[in-house]
């Protein structure tokens, strides 16, 4: 039995995780391009969406 319930923010943090983004991109882009794009996404979008307050 789970003692804590996941919040919507927790679920979104998991789904939009840069590693998930990289894995999705790696299906359609070259490895290096997928890595660079995921890093850019992490620094410019993900870190702002889920910044600790």
Protein backbone atom coordinates (compact mmCIF):
# COMPACT_ATOMS: atom_id res chain seq x y z
CA UNK A 1 0.00 0.00 0.00
CA UNK A 2 1.34 3.39 -0.98
CA UNK A 3 1.69 5.87 1.87
CA UNK A 4 1.93 8.99 -0.27
CA UNK A 5 -0.16 9.97 -3.23
CA UNK A 6 1.47 11.45 -6.30
CA UNK A 7 0.43 14.97 -7.13
CA UNK A 8 -0.24 16.22 -10.63
CA UNK A 9 3.05 18.12 -10.47
CA UNK A 10 4.91 14.89 -9.58
CA UNK A 11 3.36 13.10 -12.54
CA UNK A 12 4.11 15.97 -14.91
CA UNK A 13 7.70 16.14 -13.62
CA UNK A 14 8.07 12.47 -14.50
CA UNK A 15 6.46 12.67 -17.95
CA UNK A 16 8.35 15.81 -19.00
CA UNK A 17 11.66 14.57 -17.59
CA UNK A 18 14.55 15.44 -19.94
CA UNK A 19 15.51 11.77 -20.13
CA UNK A 20 12.07 10.93 -21.51
CA UNK A 21 12.42 13.80 -23.97
CA UNK A 22 15.81 12.48 -25.08
CA UNK A 23 14.48 8.95 -25.55
CA UNK A 24 11.61 10.21 -27.68
CA UNK A 25 13.89 12.41 -29.75
CA UNK A 26 16.43 9.63 -30.26
CA UNK A 27 13.87 7.76 -32.37
CA UNK A 28 13.80 10.56 -34.95
CA UNK A 29 17.09 12.45 -34.55
CA UNK A 30 20.74 11.54 -34.50
CA UNK A 31 22.06 10.74 -31.03
CA UNK A 32 24.15 13.92 -30.71
CA UNK A 33 21.29 16.14 -31.88
CA UNK A 34 18.87 14.44 -29.47
CA UNK A 35 21.29 14.95 -26.57
CA UNK A 36 21.85 18.61 -27.37
CA UNK A 37 18.13 19.25 -27.82
CA UNK A 38 17.27 17.51 -24.53
CA UNK A 39 19.94 19.55 -22.72
CA UNK A 40 18.59 22.77 -24.19
CA UNK A 41 15.06 21.74 -23.20
CA UNK A 42 16.23 20.93 -19.66
CA UNK A 43 17.99 24.27 -19.18
CA UNK A 44 15.48 26.53 -20.89
CA UNK A 45 12.09 24.96 -20.17
CA UNK A 46 12.10 22.08 -17.66
CA UNK A 47 14.12 23.90 -15.00
CA UNK A 48 11.70 26.85 -15.11
CA UNK A 49 8.55 24.74 -15.09
CA UNK A 50 9.57 22.72 -12.08
CA UNK A 51 11.77 25.14 -10.18
CA UNK A 52 11.47 24.78 -6.44
CA UNK A 53 9.80 27.77 -4.88
